[in-house]
Amino acid sequence: MGFLTRKDSTLYRCFFKEMAKLRGIEVEYRYAVKTDTTIYAEFQSEYSEPIMMDIIFQENPKVNTLKRIGWVSENPDDKPYIAMLPFDAKNLDTDSIIDIPPVDVVREKPRRFRINRITTLMEYPDCWVCIVAPVFNNDEVRDDTTKNYNYMKTNYSIIDGEER
């Protein structure tokens, strides 16, 4: 039996939590409680209350890190965002959401990321390595069927001081 299969594996997981507290950032983590599918095959999920946790977030990971998790890309500009979450993250799945609080005063809303892929770097991992994608909140789609077109103004051309 390997050395890491004993109590030392839980010790390394505590080391990761301490490292994330010192070097990482505090985020709000939400997992999907209920997921429904629309008629257009879109997922609509209800999420849990936010859980505060410390993670390691890398916007520009190194090429060696990407090779270790199995992400091989010929284009150096095509790098994913990577988030390392503690091993005891509750109900971690590919529909979970991470909200990173704003750093500056200009941005009011937190940056939201959805987990796309979950991997580990070793046989007995101390953390989950997640490839995340940003979630962009689009404006609500306006419904033009409720407009009243009876009072539309039309354009007139004025020639020689008269409307025609």
Protein backbone atom coordinates (compact mmCIF):
# COMPACT_ATOMS: atom_id res chain seq x y z
CA MET A 1 0.00 0.00 0.00
CA GLY A 2 1.31 3.42 -0.97
CA PHE A 3 2.46 6.08 1.41
CA LEU A 4 -0.24 8.56 0.31
CA THR A 5 -3.12 6.16 0.88
CA ARG A 6 -2.86 6.55 4.62
CA LYS A 7 -3.56 9.58 6.78
CA ASP A 8 -1.00 11.65 4.89
CA SER A 9 -3.41 12.23 2.01
CA THR A 10 -5.73 14.16 4.33
CA LEU A 11 -2.70 16.08 5.62
CA TYR A 12 -1.86 17.21 2.06
CA ARG A 13 -5.46 18.32 1.57
CA CYS A 14 -5.13 20.49 4.68
CA PHE A 15 -1.89 21.89 3.24
CA PHE A 16 -3.77 22.90 0.08
CA LYS A 17 -6.47 24.67 2.10
CA GLU A 18 -3.81 26.60 3.98
CA MET A 19 -2.04 27.51 0.73
CA ALA A 20 -5.32 28.67 -0.84
CA LYS A 21 -6.03 30.82 2.19
CA LEU A 22 -2.59 32.44 1.99
CA ARG A 23 -2.06 32.71 -1.78
CA GLY A 24 -5.53 32.30 -3.29
CA ILE A 25 -8.70 34.34 -3.43
CA GLU A 26 -11.99 33.99 -1.59
CA VAL A 27 -14.92 33.21 -3.88
CA GLU A 28 -18.59 32.28 -3.68
CA TYR A 29 -19.18 28.71 -4.82
CA ARG A 30 -22.65 27.48 -5.84
CA TYR A 31 -23.69 24.02 -6.92
CA ALA A 32 -26.78 23.04 -8.88
CA VAL A 33 -29.65 21.87 -6.70
CA LYS A 34 -32.17 21.30 -9.48
CA THR A 35 -31.66 21.29 -13.24
CA ASP A 36 -34.41 21.48 -15.86
CA THR A 37 -34.20 21.41 -19.64
CA THR A 38 -36.15 23.76 -21.88
CA ILE A 39 -37.69 22.78 -25.20
CA TYR A 40 -34.61 24.30 -26.87
CA ALA A 41 -32.26 21.91 -24.99
CA GLU A 42 -30.97 24.67 -22.73
CA PHE A 43 -30.22 23.94 -19.10
CA GLN A 44 -31.88 26.05 -16.44
CA SER A 45 -30.53 25.35 -12.99
CA GLU A 46 -31.46 26.42 -9.51
CA TYR A 47 -28.37 26.97 -7.40
CA SER A 48 -27.63 26.60 -3.72
CA GLU A 49 -26.83 29.38 -1.33
CA PRO A 50 -23.28 30.69 -1.82
CA ILE A 51 -20.53 28.87 0.02
CA MET A 52 -17.43 30.94 0.74
CA MET A 53 -14.17 29.12 -0.03
CA ASP A 54 -10.58 29.92 -0.90
CA ILE A 55 -9.34 28.76 -4.30
CA ILE A 56 -6.32 29.18 -6.53
CA PHE A 57 -7.37 30.90 -9.76
CA GLN A 58 -5.06 31.11 -12.79
CA GLU A 59 -6.03 33.25 -15.75
CA ASN A 60 -2.79 32.58 -17.64
CA PRO A 61 -1.56 29.09 -16.72
CA LYS A 62 1.86 27.87 -17.79
CA VAL A 63 2.22 25.38 -20.63
CA ASN A 64 3.62 22.72 -18.25
CA THR A 65 0.54 23.02 -16.06
CA LEU A 66 -1.72 22.59 -19.09
CA LYS A 67 0.20 19.49 -20.22
CA ARG A 68 -0.14 17.93 -16.76
CA ILE A 69 -3.94 18.19 -16.84
CA GLY A 70 -4.13 16.96 -20.43
CA TRP A 71 -4.87 20.22 -22.25
CA VAL A 72 -2.74 20.25 -25.38
CA SER A 73 -3.06 23.22 -27.69
CA GLU A 74 -1.00 24.31 -30.67
CA ASN A 75 -2.18 27.88 -30.33
CA PRO A 76 -0.50 29.62 -27.36
CA ASP A 77 -3.36 32.15 -27.21
CA ASP A 78 -5.91 29.39 -26.57
CA LYS A 79 -5.44 28.92 -22.83
CA PRO A 80 -8.27 28.06 -20.48
CA TYR A 81 -8.92 29.59 -17.10
CA ILE A 82 -8.01 27.16 -14.32
CA ALA A 83 -9.44 27.07 -10.81
CA MET A 84 -8.10 24.74 -8.13
CA LEU A 85 -10.81 23.94 -5.59
CA PRO A 86 -10.43 22.11 -2.28
CA PHE A 87 -11.07 18.39 -2.39
CA ASP A 88 -14.06 18.65 -0.05
CA ALA A 89 -16.04 21.09 -2.24
CA LYS A 90 -19.67 20.15 -1.75
CA ASN A 91 -21.46 18.54 -4.74
CA LEU A 92 -18.85 19.60 -7.29
CA ASP A 93 -20.05 19.01 -10.85
CA THR A 94 -19.76 20.59 -14.28
CA ASP A 95 -22.74 22.87 -13.72
CA SER A 96 -21.33 24.57 -10.63
CA ILE A 97 -20.67 28.31 -10.57
CA ILE A 98 -17.82 30.34 -9.08
CA ASP A 99 -18.33 34.06 -8.42
CA ILE A 100 -15.12 36.07 -8.03
CA PRO A 101 -15.72 39.36 -6.21
CA PRO A 102 -14.67 42.58 -7.96
CA VAL A 103 -11.27 44.03 -7.15
CA ASP A 104 -11.92 47.58 -8.31
CA VAL A 105 -14.72 50.00 -7.58
CA VAL A 106 -15.71 50.39 -11.24
CA ARG A 107 -17.18 46.91 -11.57
CA GLU A 108 -20.17 46.28 -9.33
CA LYS A 109 -21.00 42.69 -10.23
CA PRO A 110 -18.73 39.74 -9.53
CA ARG A 111 -17.10 37.82 -12.35
CA ARG A 112 -19.01 34.58 -12.87
CA PHE A 113 -17.43 31.36 -14.12
CA ARG A 114 -19.02 27.98 -14.88
CA ILE A 115 -17.04 24.78 -14.40
CA ASN A 116 -16.61 22.89 -17.69
CA ARG A 117 -14.20 20.09 -16.83
CA ILE A 118 -12.92 18.55 -13.61
CA THR A 119 -9.59 16.74 -13.40
CA THR A 120 -6.88 15.99 -10.85
CA LEU A 121 -3.11 16.19 -11.06
CA MET A 122 -2.23 13.04 -9.14
CA GLU A 123 -3.55 9.68 -8.00
CA TYR A 124 -4.55 10.86 -4.51
CA PRO A 125 -5.34 14.51 -5.15
CA ASP A 126 -5.21 17.33 -2.68
CA CYS A 127 -7.46 19.51 -4.86
CA TRP A 128 -9.73 19.45 -7.90
CA VAL A 129 -8.38 21.18 -11.00
CA CYS A 130 -11.32 22.70 -12.88
CA ILE A 131 -11.32 24.29 -16.29
CA VAL A 132 -13.78 27.16 -16.10
CA ALA A 133 -15.41 29.41 -18.69
CA PRO A 134 -16.72 32.92 -18.12
CA VAL A 135 -20.49 33.42 -18.06
CA PHE A 136 -21.67 36.57 -19.78
CA ASN A 137 -24.99 37.98 -18.65
CA ASN A 138 -26.84 39.28 -21.67
CA ASP A 139 -29.59 41.83 -21.43
CA GLU A 140 -33.11 40.50 -21.35
CA VAL A 141 -34.64 39.95 -24.75
CA ARG A 142 -37.33 42.50 -25.44
CA ASP A 143 -40.65 41.22 -26.67
CA ASP A 144 -41.74 43.40 -29.62
CA THR A 145 -45.19 41.82 -29.87
CA THR A 146 -46.57 43.93 -27.03
CA LYS A 147 -45.84 47.27 -28.69
CA ASN A 148 -48.74 49.33 -29.96
CA TYR A 149 -48.04 50.48 -33.49
CA ASN A 150 -51.24 52.52 -33.90
CA TYR A 151 -49.53 55.75 -32.91
CA MET A 152 -46.43 55.46 -35.06
CA LYS A 153 -44.98 58.66 -36.38
CA THR A 154 -44.06 58.69 -40.03
CA ASN A 155 -41.36 60.66 -41.71
CA TYR A 156 -42.35 63.58 -43.90
CA SER A 157 -40.15 65.26 -46.39
CA ILE A 158 -40.31 69.03 -46.38
CA ILE A 159 -39.91 70.53 -49.84
CA ASP A 160 -40.33 74.24 -50.36
CA GLY A 161 -41.68 74.70 -46.84
CA GLU A 162 -44.58 72.22 -47.29
CA GLU A 163 -44.98 68.72 -45.79
CA ARG A 164 -45.60 66.00 -48.37
